Amino acid sequence: MPPRNDALKDCLSRSREINLSVTGRKSGRAISVPVWFVSEEKKLYLLPARGSDTQWYKNVLQKPAIQIEAGSMKAEITVVPITDNKKVPAVVEKFRVKYGDRGIKLYSKLDVAVLAQMP
């Protein structure tokens, strides 16, 4: 049973990091990694730390279904890559607002982002 949207939003509002699970494009196995995120209304933005070279990003290009875990809540979400060079900077700015300039400096390549529509 999917989580209630308000409970998931509440967990996300209290978290700085979520666990992201993707399906390995070669292995087919579930791979889980901690990631930063920005949540706005029913949108969840993800920014791969090494941009298009990030392994989890390459995996979601093959299978755009992810699972997120925030606190005690889990959700299955379909994602869409953001590759437009006019839209990616807007996502980067959302991350800068949440995590600061020092946080953004941890990202080595800012050429893509990911959008998930929450349930």
PDB file of N, CA and C in Angstrom:
ATOM      1  N   MET A   1       0.847  -1.187   0.000  1.00  0.00           N
ATOM      2  CA  MET A   1       0.000   0.000   0.000  1.00  0.00           C
ATOM      3  C   MET A   1       0.886   1.241   0.000  1.00  0.00           C
ATOM      4  N   PRO A   2       0.685   2.195  -0.930  1.00  0.00           N
ATOM      5  CA  PRO A   2       1.523   3.382  -0.961  1.00  0.00           C
ATOM      6  C   PRO A   2       1.279   4.261   0.263  1.00  0.00           C
ATOM      7  N   PRO A   3       2.313   5.009   0.667  1.00  0.00           N
ATOM      8  CA  PRO A   3       2.150   5.864   1.839  1.00  0.00           C
ATOM      9  C   PRO A   3       1.196   7.013   1.536  1.00  0.00           C
ATOM     10  N   ARG A   4       0.585   7.520   2.569  1.00  0.00           N
ATOM     11  CA  ARG A   4      -0.260   8.690   2.399  1.00  0.00           C
ATOM     12  C   ARG A   4       0.644   9.859   2.059  1.00  0.00           C
ATOM     13  N   ASN A   5       0.217  10.659   1.113  1.00  0.00           N
ATOM     14  CA  ASN A   5       1.039  11.754   0.616  1.00  0.00           C
ATOM     15  C   ASN A   5       1.440  12.725   1.726  1.00  0.00           C
ATOM     16  N   ASP A   6       0.527  13.029   2.653  1.00  0.00           N
ATOM     17  CA  ASP A   6       0.863  13.980   3.705  1.00  0.00           C
ATOM     18  C   ASP A   6       1.915  13.416   4.662  1.00  0.00           C
ATOM     19  N   ALA A   7       1.890  12.137   4.927  1.00  0.00           N
ATOM     20  CA  ALA A   7       2.894  11.516   5.799  1.00  0.00           C
ATOM     21  C   ALA A   7       4.265  11.527   5.118  1.00  0.00           C
ATOM     22  N   LEU A   8       4.293  11.245   3.827  1.00  0.00           N
ATOM     23  CA  LEU A   8       5.550  11.284   3.084  1.00  0.00           C
ATOM     24  C   LEU A   8       6.096  12.706   3.037  1.00  0.00           C
ATOM     25  N   LYS A   9       5.232  13.674   2.747  1.00  0.00           N
ATOM     26  CA  LYS A   9       5.668  15.075   2.715  1.00  0.00           C
ATOM     27  C   LYS A   9       6.215  15.508   4.063  1.00  0.00           C
ATOM     28  N   ASP A  10       5.596  15.042   5.149  1.00  0.00           N
ATOM     29  CA  ASP A  10       6.066  15.381   6.484  1.00  0.00           C
ATOM     30  C   ASP A  10       7.470  14.815   6.729  1.00  0.00           C
ATOM     31  N   CYS A  11       7.689  13.558   6.358  1.00  0.00           N
ATOM     32  CA  CYS A  11       9.018  12.954   6.522  1.00  0.00           C
ATOM     33  C   CYS A  11      10.057  13.694   5.681  1.00  0.00           C
ATOM     34  N   LEU A  12       9.693  14.044   4.454  1.00  0.00           N
ATOM     35  CA  LEU A  12      10.631  14.765   3.585  1.00  0.00           C
ATOM     36  C   LEU A  12      10.960  16.141   4.156  1.00  0.00           C
ATOM     37  N   SER A  13       9.983  16.796   4.755  1.00  0.00           N
ATOM     38  CA  SER A  13      10.217  18.139   5.303  1.00  0.00           C
ATOM     39  C   SER A  13      11.189  18.118   6.486  1.00  0.00           C
ATOM     40  N   ARG A  14      11.321  16.964   7.115  1.00  0.00           N
ATOM     41  CA  ARG A  14      12.219  16.848   8.267  1.00  0.00           C
ATOM     42  C   ARG A  14      13.547  16.185   7.916  1.00  0.00           C
ATOM     43  N   SER A  15      13.772  15.918   6.629  1.00  0.00           N
ATOM     44  CA  SER A  15      14.976  15.202   6.218  1.00  0.00           C
ATOM     45  C   SER A  15      15.855  16.073   5.329  1.00  0.00           C
ATOM     46  N   ARG A  16      17.158  15.881   5.470  1.00  0.00           N
ATOM     47  CA  ARG A  16      18.111  16.532   4.563  1.00  0.00           C
ATOM     48  C   ARG A  16      18.616  15.541   3.518  1.00  0.00           C
ATOM     49  N   GLU A  17      18.362  14.266   3.778  1.00  0.00           N
ATOM     50  CA  GLU A  17      18.881  13.218   2.906  1.00  0.00           C
ATOM     51  C   GLU A  17      17.861  12.085   2.867  1.00  0.00           C
ATOM     52  N   ILE A  18      17.768  11.434   1.718  1.00  0.00           N
ATOM     53  CA  ILE A  18      16.908  10.260   1.589  1.00  0.00           C
ATOM     54  C   ILE A  18      17.743   9.105   1.053  1.00  0.00           C
ATOM     55  N   ASN A  19      17.231   7.909   1.209  1.00  0.00           N
ATOM     56  CA  ASN A  19      17.845   6.753   0.558  1.00  0.00           C
ATOM     57  C   ASN A  19      17.114   6.543  -0.756  1.00  0.00           C
ATOM     58  N   LEU A  20      17.879   6.435  -1.798  1.00  0.00           N
ATOM     59  CA  LEU A  20      17.365   6.240  -3.139  1.00  0.00           C
ATOM     60  C   LEU A  20      17.742   4.838  -3.586  1.00  0.00           C
ATOM     61  N   SER A  21      16.768   4.069  -4.031  1.00  0.00           N
ATOM     62  CA  SER A  21      17.034   2.730  -4.561  1.00  0.00           C
ATOM     63  C   SER A  21      16.672   2.708  -6.033  1.00  0.00           C
ATOM     64  N   VAL A  22      17.609   2.206  -6.835  1.00  0.00           N
ATOM     65  CA  VAL A  22      17.416   2.071  -8.276  1.00  0.00           C
ATOM     66  C   VAL A  22      17.730   0.636  -8.657  1.00  0.00           C
ATOM     67  N   THR A  23      17.326   0.259  -9.856  1.00  0.00           N
ATOM     68  CA  THR A  23      17.656  -1.068 -10.366  1.00  0.00           C
ATOM     69  C   THR A  23      18.897  -0.951 -11.238  1.00  0.00           C
ATOM     70  N   GLY A  24      19.919  -1.745 -10.907  1.00  0.00           N
ATOM     71  CA  GLY A  24      21.156  -1.728 -11.675  1.00  0.00           C
ATOM     72  C   GLY A  24      20.914  -2.078 -13.126  1.00  0.00           C
ATOM     73  N   ARG A  25      21.431  -1.275 -14.041  1.00  0.00           N
ATOM     74  CA  ARG A  25      21.173  -1.489 -15.465  1.00  0.00           C
ATOM     75  C   ARG A  25      21.869  -2.722 -16.000  1.00  0.00           C
ATOM     76  N   LYS A  26      22.943  -3.160 -15.353  1.00  0.00           N
ATOM     77  CA  LYS A  26      23.652  -4.367 -15.783  1.00  0.00           C
ATOM     78  C   LYS A  26      23.317  -5.556 -14.898  1.00  0.00           C
ATOM     79  N   SER A  27      23.303  -5.325 -13.576  1.00  0.00           N
ATOM     80  CA  SER A  27      23.088  -6.422 -12.636  1.00  0.00           C
ATOM     81  C   SER A  27      21.619  -6.765 -12.433  1.00  0.00           C
ATOM     82  N   GLY A  28      20.744  -5.773 -12.601  1.00  0.00           N
ATOM     83  CA  GLY A  28      19.323  -5.991 -12.333  1.00  0.00           C
ATOM     84  C   GLY A  28      18.991  -5.993 -10.850  1.00  0.00           C
ATOM     85  N   ARG A  29      20.003  -5.769 -10.011  1.00  0.00           N
ATOM     86  CA  ARG A  29      19.796  -5.773  -8.560  1.00  0.00           C
ATOM     87  C   ARG A  29      19.451  -4.376  -8.047  1.00  0.00           C
ATOM     88  N   ALA A  30      18.793  -4.339  -6.903  1.00  0.00           N
ATOM     89  CA  ALA A  30      18.483  -3.068  -6.254  1.00  0.00           C
ATOM     90  C   ALA A  30      19.762  -2.479  -5.680  1.00  0.00           C
ATOM     91  N   ILE A  31      19.977  -1.209  -5.948  1.00  0.00           N
ATOM     92  CA  ILE A  31      21.148  -0.491  -5.453  1.00  0.00           C
ATOM     93  C   ILE A  31      20.631   0.708  -4.675  1.00  0.00           C
ATOM     94  N   SER A  32      21.091   0.875  -3.450  1.00  0.00           N
ATOM     95  CA  SER A  32      20.620   1.956  -2.593  1.00  0.00           C
ATOM     96  C   SER A  32      21.761   2.913  -2.279  1.00  0.00           C
ATOM     97  N   VAL A  33      21.479   4.207  -2.418  1.00  0.00           N
ATOM     98  CA  VAL A  33      22.473   5.237  -2.118  1.00  0.00           C
ATOM     99  C   VAL A  33      21.788   6.397  -1.405  1.00  0.00           C
ATOM    100  N   PRO A  34      22.486   7.037  -0.471  1.00  0.00           N
ATOM    101  CA  PRO A  34      21.929   8.242   0.146  1.00  0.00           C
ATOM    102  C   PRO A  34      22.123   9.428  -0.801  1.00  0.00           C
ATOM    103  N   VAL A  35      21.097  10.253  -0.926  1.00  0.00           N
ATOM    104  CA  VAL A  35      21.179  11.427  -1.791  1.00  0.00           C
ATOM    105  C   VAL A  35      20.490  12.621  -1.134  1.00  0.00           C
ATOM    106  N   TRP A  36      20.922  13.797  -1.549  1.00  0.00           N
ATOM    107  CA  TRP A  36      20.225  15.023  -1.173  1.00  0.00           C
ATOM    108  C   TRP A  36      19.071  15.223  -2.145  1.00  0.00           C
ATOM    109  N   PHE A  37      18.112  16.033  -1.747  1.00  0.00           N
ATOM    110  CA  PHE A  37      16.912  16.249  -2.556  1.00  0.00           C
ATOM    111  C   PHE A  37      16.313  17.601  -2.215  1.00  0.00           C
ATOM    112  N   VAL A  38      15.428  18.050  -3.067  1.00  0.00           N
ATOM    113  CA  VAL A  38      14.587  19.212  -2.790  1.00  0.00           C
ATOM    114  C   VAL A  38      13.155  18.797  -3.087  1.00  0.00           C
ATOM    115  N   SER A  39      12.277  19.046  -2.140  1.00  0.00           N
ATOM    116  CA  SER A  39      10.868  18.700  -2.287  1.00  0.00           C
ATOM    117  C   SER A  39      10.040  19.978  -2.348  1.00  0.00           C
ATOM    118  N   GLU A  40       9.196  20.061  -3.374  1.00  0.00           N
ATOM    119  CA  GLU A  40       8.273  21.193  -3.528  1.00  0.00           C
ATOM    120  C   GLU A  40       6.919  20.641  -3.944  1.00  0.00           C
ATOM    121  N   GLU A  41       5.918  20.866  -3.101  1.00  0.00           N
ATOM    122  CA  GLU A  41       4.579  20.356  -3.392  1.00  0.00           C
ATOM    123  C   GLU A  41       4.637  18.864  -3.708  1.00  0.00           C
ATOM    124  N   LYS A  42       4.284  18.475  -4.924  1.00  0.00           N
ATOM    125  CA  LYS A  42       4.316  17.060  -5.292  1.00  0.00           C
ATOM    126  C   LYS A  42       5.524  16.725  -6.156  1.00  0.00           C
ATOM    127  N   LYS A  43       6.514  17.598  -6.157  1.00  0.00           N
ATOM    128  CA  LYS A  43       7.708  17.374  -6.968  1.00  0.00           C
ATOM    129  C   LYS A  43       8.904  17.115  -6.064  1.00  0.00           C
ATOM    130  N   LEU A  44       9.704  16.164  -6.476  1.00  0.00           N
ATOM    131  CA  LEU A  44      10.935  15.835  -5.771  1.00  0.00           C
ATOM    132  C   LEU A  44      12.062  15.968  -6.788  1.00  0.00           C
ATOM    133  N   TYR A  45      13.019  16.839  -6.494  1.00  0.00           N
ATOM    134  CA  TYR A  45      14.144  17.058  -7.392  1.00  0.00           C
ATOM    135  C   TYR A  45      15.379  16.357  -6.841  1.00  0.00           C
ATOM    136  N   LEU A  46      16.096  15.696  -7.735  1.00  0.00           N
ATOM    137  CA  LEU A  46      17.339  15.019  -7.387  1.00  0.00           C
ATOM    138  C   LEU A  46      18.427  15.567  -8.298  1.00  0.00           C
ATOM    139  N   LEU A  47      19.625  15.713  -7.749  1.00  0.00           N
ATOM    140  CA  LEU A  47      20.752  16.232  -8.502  1.00  0.00           C
ATOM    141  C   LEU A  47      21.909  15.253  -8.353  1.00  0.00           C
ATOM    142  N   PRO A  48      22.238  14.534  -9.434  1.00  0.00           N
ATOM    143  CA  PRO A  48      23.335  13.561  -9.350  1.00  0.00           C
ATOM    144  C   PRO A  48      24.667  14.276  -9.069  1.00  0.00           C
ATOM    145  N   ALA A  49      25.426  13.777  -8.118  1.00  0.00           N
ATOM    146  CA  ALA A  49      26.666  14.432  -7.680  1.00  0.00           C
ATOM    147  C   ALA A  49      27.705  14.556  -8.790  1.00  0.00           C
ATOM    148  N   ARG A  50      27.743  13.594  -9.696  1.00  0.00           N
ATOM    149  CA  ARG A  50      28.683  13.658 -10.825  1.00  0.00           C
ATOM    150  C   ARG A  50      27.925  13.828 -12.136  1.00  0.00           C
ATOM    151  N   GLY A  51      26.765  14.465 -12.036  1.00  0.00           N
ATOM    152  CA  GLY A  51      25.957  14.740 -13.212  1.00  0.00           C
ATOM    153  C   GLY A  51      25.648  13.486 -14.005  1.00  0.00           C
ATOM    154  N   SER A  52      25.750  13.594 -15.331  1.00  0.00           N
ATOM    155  CA  SER A  52      25.407  12.474 -16.210  1.00  0.00           C
ATOM    156  C   SER A  52      26.364  11.297 -16.079  1.00  0.00           C
ATOM    157  N   ASP A  53      27.466  11.468 -15.357  1.00  0.00           N
ATOM    158  CA  ASP A  53      28.404  10.368 -15.109  1.00  0.00           C
ATOM    159  C   ASP A  53      28.046   9.556 -13.865  1.00  0.00           C
ATOM    160  N   THR A  54      27.066   9.994 -13.099  1.00  0.00           N
ATOM    161  CA  THR A  54      26.655   9.324 -11.871  1.00  0.00           C
ATOM    162  C   THR A  54      25.976   7.999 -12.198  1.00  0.00           C
ATOM    163  N   GLN A  55      26.391   6.945 -11.511  1.00  0.00           N
ATOM    164  CA  GLN A  55      25.874   5.610 -11.814  1.00  0.00           C
ATOM    165  C   GLN A  55      24.371   5.484 -11.587  1.00  0.00           C
ATOM    166  N   TRP A  56      23.849   6.017 -10.462  1.00  0.00           N
ATOM    167  CA  TRP A  56      22.409   5.869 -10.243  1.00  0.00           C
ATOM    168  C   TRP A  56      21.629   6.603 -11.324  1.00  0.00           C
ATOM    169  N   TYR A  57      22.163   7.715 -11.833  1.00  0.00           N
ATOM    170  CA  TYR A  57      21.495   8.441 -12.912  1.00  0.00           C
ATOM    171  C   TYR A  57      21.459   7.579 -14.185  1.00  0.00           C
ATOM    172  N   LYS A  58      22.571   6.940 -14.509  1.00  0.00           N
ATOM    173  CA  LYS A  58      22.608   6.058 -15.681  1.00  0.00           C
ATOM    174  C   LYS A  58      21.600   4.921 -15.527  1.00  0.00           C
ATOM    175  N   ASN A  59      21.436   4.450 -14.294  1.00  0.00           N
ATOM    176  CA  ASN A  59      20.465   3.375 -14.040  1.00  0.00           C
ATOM    177  C   ASN A  59      19.028   3.844 -14.268  1.00  0.00           C
ATOM    178  N   VAL A  60      18.686   5.064 -13.823  1.00  0.00           N
ATOM    179  CA  VAL A  60      17.302   5.524 -14.004  1.00  0.00           C
ATOM    180  C   VAL A  60      17.001   5.844 -15.466  1.00  0.00           C
ATOM    181  N   LEU A  61      18.026   6.078 -16.265  1.00  0.00           N
ATOM    182  CA  LEU A  61      17.775   6.245 -17.697  1.00  0.00           C
ATOM    183  C   LEU A  61      17.278   4.946 -18.312  1.00  0.00           C
ATOM    184  N   GLN A  62      17.756   3.814 -17.780  1.00  0.00           N
ATOM    185  CA  GLN A  62      17.331   2.502 -18.264  1.00  0.00           C
ATOM    186  C   GLN A  62      15.997   2.072 -17.664  1.00  0.00           C
ATOM    187  N   LYS A  63      15.822   2.357 -16.379  1.00  0.00           N
ATOM    188  CA  LYS A  63      14.571   1.997 -15.693  1.00  0.00           C
ATOM    189  C   LYS A  63      14.183   3.171 -14.793  1.00  0.00           C
ATOM    190  N   PRO A  64      13.243   3.998 -15.244  1.00  0.00           N
ATOM    191  CA  PRO A  64      12.921   5.239 -14.529  1.00  0.00           C
ATOM    192  C   PRO A  64      12.032   5.071 -13.295  1.00  0.00           C
ATOM    193  N   ALA A  65      12.065   3.920 -12.668  1.00  0.00           N
ATOM    194  CA  ALA A  65      11.322   3.698 -11.431  1.00  0.00           C
ATOM    195  C   ALA A  65      12.322   3.652 -10.285  1.00  0.00           C
ATOM    196  N   ILE A  66      12.057   4.438  -9.245  1.00  0.00           N
ATOM    197  CA  ILE A  66      12.935   4.459  -8.076  1.00  0.00           C
ATOM    198  C   ILE A  66      12.099   4.203  -6.828  1.00  0.00           C
ATOM    199  N   GLN A  67      12.792   3.895  -5.762  1.00  0.00           N
ATOM    200  CA  GLN A  67      12.153   3.837  -4.452  1.00  0.00           C
ATOM    201  C   GLN A  67      12.903   4.823  -3.575  1.00  0.00           C
ATOM    202  N   ILE A  68      12.154   5.626  -2.834  1.00  0.00           N
ATOM    203  CA  ILE A  68      12.784   6.523  -1.874  1.00  0.00           C
ATOM    204  C   ILE A  68      12.382   6.112  -0.473  1.00  0.00           C
ATOM    205  N   GLU A  69      13.258   6.409   0.458  1.00  0.00           N
ATOM    206  CA  GLU A  69      12.992   6.144   1.867  1.00  0.00           C
ATOM    207  C   GLU A  69      13.380   7.390   2.646  1.00  0.00           C
ATOM    208  N   ALA A  70      12.407   7.944   3.344  1.00  0.00           N
ATOM    209  CA  ALA A  70      12.622   9.117   4.186  1.00  0.00           C
ATOM    210  C   ALA A  70      12.042   8.790   5.553  1.00  0.00           C
ATOM    211  N   GLY A  71      12.908   8.707   6.550  1.00  0.00           N
ATOM    212  CA  GLY A  71      12.432   8.298   7.863  1.00  0.00           C
ATOM    213  C   GLY A  71      11.835   6.910   7.773  1.00  0.00           C
ATOM    214  N   SER A  72      10.604   6.761   8.223  1.00  0.00           N
ATOM    215  CA  SER A  72       9.941   5.453   8.178  1.00  0.00           C
ATOM    216  C   SER A  72       9.087   5.269   6.927  1.00  0.00           C
ATOM    217  N   MET A  73       9.081   6.257   6.059  1.00  0.00           N
ATOM    218  CA  MET A  73       8.229   6.205   4.868  1.00  0.00           C
ATOM    219  C   MET A  73       9.010   5.740   3.641  1.00  0.00           C
ATOM    220  N   LYS A  74       8.347   4.932   2.823  1.00  0.00           N
ATOM    221  CA  LYS A  74       8.914   4.491   1.551  1.00  0.00           C
ATOM    222  C   LYS A  74       7.892   4.764   0.461  1.00  0.00           C
ATOM    223  N   ALA A  75       8.402   5.048  -0.733  1.00  0.00           N
ATOM    224  CA  ALA A  75       7.504   5.278  -1.861  1.00  0.00           C
ATOM    225  C   ALA A  75       8.186   4.865  -3.157  1.00  0.00           C
ATOM    226  N   GLU A  76       7.389   4.308  -4.057  1.00  0.00           N
ATOM    227  CA  GLU A  76       7.842   3.989  -5.414  1.00  0.00           C
ATOM    228  C   GLU A  76       7.436   5.166  -6.290  1.00  0.00           C
ATOM    229  N   ILE A  77       8.384   5.664  -7.065  1.00  0.00           N
ATOM    230  CA  ILE A  77       8.124   6.862  -7.870  1.00  0.00           C
ATOM    231  C   ILE A  77       8.756   6.686  -9.247  1.00  0.00           C
ATOM    232  N   THR A  78       8.074   7.181 -10.258  1.00  0.00           N
ATOM    233  CA  THR A  78       8.638   7.221 -11.605  1.00  0.00           C
ATOM    234  C   THR A  78       9.325   8.572 -11.782  1.00  0.00           C
ATOM    235  N   VAL A  79      10.486   8.564 -12.404  1.00  0.00           N
ATOM    236  CA  VAL A  79      11.258   9.795 -12.569  1.00  0.00           C
ATOM    237  C   VAL A  79      11.441  10.141 -14.043  1.00  0.00           C
ATOM    238  N   VAL A  80      11.746  11.408 -14.264  1.00  0.00           N
ATOM    239  CA  VAL A  80      12.018  11.925 -15.593  1.00  0.00           C
ATOM    240  C   VAL A  80      13.329  12.698 -15.529  1.00  0.00           C
ATOM    241  N   PRO A  81      14.280  12.391 -16.413  1.00  0.00           N
ATOM    242  CA  PRO A  81      15.521  13.152 -16.417  1.00  0.00           C
ATOM    243  C   PRO A  81      15.283  14.582 -16.923  1.00  0.00           C
ATOM    244  N   ILE A  82      16.025  15.503 -16.364  1.00  0.00           N
ATOM    245  CA  ILE A  82      16.014  16.893 -16.827  1.00  0.00           C
ATOM    246  C   ILE A  82      17.377  17.138 -17.461  1.00  0.00           C
ATOM    247  N   THR A  83      17.382  17.383 -18.763  1.00  0.00           N
ATOM    248  CA  THR A  83      18.644  17.590 -19.469  1.00  0.00           C
ATOM    249  C   THR A  83      18.722  18.960 -20.142  1.00  0.00           C
ATOM    250  N   ASP A  84      17.613  19.689 -20.152  1.00  0.00           N
ATOM    251  CA  ASP A  84      17.564  21.005 -20.789  1.00  0.00           C
ATOM    252  C   ASP A  84      18.500  21.963 -20.054  1.00  0.00           C
ATOM    253  N   ASN A  85      19.435  22.558 -20.792  1.00  0.00           N
ATOM    254  CA  ASN A  85      20.438  23.427 -20.153  1.00  0.00           C
ATOM    255  C   ASN A  85      19.847  24.726 -19.627  1.00  0.00           C
ATOM    256  N   LYS A  86      18.561  24.962 -19.826  1.00  0.00           N
ATOM    257  CA  LYS A  86      17.894  26.107 -19.212  1.00  0.00           C
ATOM    258  C   LYS A  86      17.140  25.706 -17.949  1.00  0.00           C
ATOM    259  N   LYS A  87      16.816  24.416 -17.821  1.00  0.00           N
ATOM    260  CA  LYS A  87      16.075  23.944 -16.650  1.00  0.00           C
ATOM    261  C   LYS A  87      16.987  23.424 -15.549  1.00  0.00           C
ATOM    262  N   VAL A  88      18.119  22.827 -15.899  1.00  0.00           N
ATOM    263  CA  VAL A  88      19.032  22.280 -14.886  1.00  0.00           C
ATOM    264  C   VAL A  88      19.511  23.369 -13.921  1.00  0.00           C
ATOM    265  N   PRO A  89      19.908  24.564 -14.392  1.00  0.00           N
ATOM    266  CA  PRO A  89      20.347  25.599 -13.444  1.00  0.00           C
ATOM    267  C   PRO A  89      19.275  25.985 -12.420  1.00  0.00           C
ATOM    268  N   ALA A  90      18.000  25.895 -12.793  1.00  0.00           N
ATOM    269  CA  ALA A  90      16.930  26.195 -11.844  1.00  0.00           C
ATOM    270  C   ALA A  90      16.908  25.159 -10.719  1.00  0.00           C
ATOM    271  N   VAL A  91      17.162  23.902 -11.057  1.00  0.00           N
ATOM    272  CA  VAL A  91      17.222  22.852 -10.038  1.00  0.00           C
ATOM    273  C   VAL A  91      18.466  23.062  -9.163  1.00  0.00           C
ATOM    274  N   VAL A  92      19.580  23.397  -9.779  1.00  0.00           N
ATOM    275  CA  VAL A  92      20.807  23.667  -9.022  1.00  0.00           C
ATOM    276  C   VAL A  92      20.559  24.792  -8.015  1.00  0.00           C
ATOM    277  N   GLU A  93      19.846  25.812  -8.425  1.00  0.00           N
ATOM    278  CA  GLU A  93      19.549  26.930  -7.525  1.00  0.00           C
ATOM    279  C   GLU A  93      18.686  26.477  -6.351  1.00  0.00           C
ATOM    280  N   LYS A  94      17.749  25.572  -6.579  1.00  0.00           N
ATOM    281  CA  LYS A  94      16.936  25.035  -5.479  1.00  0.00           C
ATOM    282  C   LYS A  94      17.829  24.319  -4.460  1.00  0.00           C
ATOM    283  N   PHE A  95      18.815  23.581  -4.957  1.00  0.00           N
ATOM    284  CA  PHE A  95      19.758  22.896  -4.067  1.00  0.00           C
ATOM    285  C   PHE A  95      20.632  23.903  -3.329  1.00  0.00           C
ATOM    286  N   ARG A  96      21.041  24.964  -4.018  1.00  0.00           N
ATOM    287  CA  ARG A  96      21.867  26.002  -3.386  1.00  0.00           C
ATOM    288  C   ARG A  96      21.110  26.651  -2.231  1.00  0.00           C
ATOM    289  N   VAL A  97      19.819  26.904  -2.433  1.00  0.00           N
ATOM    290  CA  VAL A  97      18.996  27.496  -1.377  1.00  0.00           C
ATOM    291  C   VAL A  97      18.923  26.559  -0.171  1.00  0.00           C
ATOM    292  N   LYS A  98      18.732  25.265  -0.415  1.00  0.00           N
ATOM    293  CA  LYS A  98      18.578  24.311   0.690  1.00  0.00           C
ATOM    294  C   LYS A  98      19.900  23.951   1.357  1.00  0.00           C
ATOM    295  N   TYR A  99      20.948  23.724   0.568  1.00  0.00           N
ATOM    296  CA  TYR A  99      22.205  23.192   1.105  1.00  0.00           C
ATOM    297  C   TYR A  99      23.361  24.197   1.131  1.00  0.00           C
ATOM    298  N   GLY A 100      23.167  25.380   0.541  1.00  0.00           N
ATOM    299  CA  GLY A 100      24.190  26.419   0.569  1.00  0.00           C
ATOM    300  C   GLY A 100      25.257  26.236  -0.502  1.00  0.00           C
ATOM    301  N   ASP A 101      26.073  27.262  -0.653  1.00  0.00           N
ATOM    302  CA  ASP A 101      27.155  27.226  -1.643  1.00  0.00           C
ATOM    303  C   ASP A 101      28.142  26.106  -1.363  1.00  0.00           C
ATOM    304  N   ARG A 102      28.436  25.863  -0.093  1.00  0.00           N
ATOM    305  CA  ARG A 102      29.382  24.796   0.252  1.00  0.00           C
ATOM    306  C   ARG A 102      28.837  23.431  -0.154  1.00  0.00           C
ATOM    307  N   GLY A 103      27.540  23.242  -0.034  1.00  0.00           N
ATOM    308  CA  GLY A 103      26.927  21.981  -0.443  1.00  0.00           C
ATOM    309  C   GLY A 103      27.005  21.779  -1.944  1.00  0.00           C
ATOM    310  N   ILE A 104      26.720  22.830  -2.700  1.00  0.00           N
ATOM    311  CA  ILE A 104      26.754  22.731  -4.167  1.00  0.00           C
ATOM    312  C   ILE A 104      28.158  22.429  -4.660  1.00  0.00           C
ATOM    313  N   LYS A 105      29.166  22.901  -3.947  1.00  0.00           N
ATOM    314  CA  LYS A 105      30.547  22.641  -4.373  1.00  0.00           C
ATOM    315  C   LYS A 105      30.909  21.159  -4.326  1.00  0.00           C
ATOM    316  N   LEU A 106      30.099  20.347  -3.632  1.00  0.00           N
ATOM    317  CA  LEU A 106      30.333  18.905  -3.588  1.00  0.00           C
ATOM    318  C   LEU A 106      29.902  18.218  -4.887  1.00  0.00           C
ATOM    319  N   TYR A 107      29.174  18.923  -5.718  1.00  0.00           N
ATOM    320  CA  TYR A 107      28.715  18.386  -7.001  1.00  0.00           C
ATOM    321  C   TYR A 107      29.747  18.753  -8.063  1.00  0.00           C
ATOM    322  N   SER A 108      30.316  17.738  -8.713  1.00  0.00           N
ATOM    323  CA  SER A 108      31.410  17.987  -9.650  1.00  0.00           C
ATOM    324  C   SER A 108      30.952  18.276 -11.077  1.00  0.00           C
ATOM    325  N   LYS A 109      29.725  17.937 -11.394  1.00  0.00           N
ATOM    326  CA  LYS A 109      29.215  18.152 -12.748  1.00  0.00           C
ATOM    327  C   LYS A 109      27.727  18.450 -12.643  1.00  0.00           C
ATOM    328  N   LEU A 110      27.314  19.568 -13.201  1.00  0.00           N
ATOM    329  CA  LEU A 110      25.921  20.003 -13.050  1.00  0.00           C
ATOM    330  C   LEU A 110      25.226  20.087 -14.408  1.00  0.00           C
ATOM    331  N   ASP A 111      25.203  18.966 -15.126  1.00  0.00           N
ATOM    332  CA  ASP A 111      24.632  18.970 -16.468  1.00  0.00           C
ATOM    333  C   ASP A 111      23.253  18.309 -16.568  1.00  0.00           C
ATOM    334  N   VAL A 112      22.808  17.630 -15.518  1.00  0.00           N
ATOM    335  CA  VAL A 112      21.495  16.971 -15.523  1.00  0.00           C
ATOM    336  C   VAL A 112      20.887  17.029 -14.128  1.00  0.00           C
ATOM    337  N   ALA A 113      19.583  16.767 -14.074  1.00  0.00           N
ATOM    338  CA  ALA A 113      18.859  16.630 -12.806  1.00  0.00           C
ATOM    339  C   ALA A 113      17.764  15.595 -13.045  1.00  0.00           C
ATOM    340  N   VAL A 114      17.018  15.292 -12.002  1.00  0.00           N
ATOM    341  CA  VAL A 114      15.943  14.297 -12.111  1.00  0.00           C
ATOM    342  C   VAL A 114      14.721  14.853 -11.393  1.00  0.00           C
ATOM    343  N   LEU A 115      13.564  14.672 -12.005  1.00  0.00           N
ATOM    344  CA  LEU A 115      12.297  15.086 -11.422  1.00  0.00           C
ATOM    345  C   LEU A 115      11.436  13.866 -11.157  1.00  0.00           C
ATOM    346  N   ALA A 116      10.914  13.792  -9.952  1.00  0.00           N
ATOM    347  CA  ALA A 116       9.981  12.724  -9.585  1.00  0.00           C
ATOM    348  C   ALA A 116       8.670  13.379  -9.162  1.00  0.00           C
ATOM    349  N   GLN A 117       7.573  12.871  -9.708  1.00  0.00           N
ATOM    350  CA  GLN A 117       6.252  13.322  -9.287  1.00  0.00           C
ATOM    351  C   GLN A 117       5.800  12.403  -8.167  1.00  0.00           C
ATOM    352  N   MET A 118       5.647  12.958  -6.972  1.00  0.00           N
ATOM    353  CA  MET A 118       5.252  12.129  -5.827  1.00  0.00           C
ATOM    354  C   MET A 118       3.777  11.752  -5.907  1.00  0.00           C
ATOM    355  N   PRO A 119       3.463  10.618  -5.265  1.00  0.00           N
ATOM    356  CA  PRO A 119       2.063  10.151  -5.288  1.00  0.00           C
ATOM    357  C   PRO A 119       1.136  11.107  -4.576  1.00  0.00           C
TER     358      PRO A 119
END
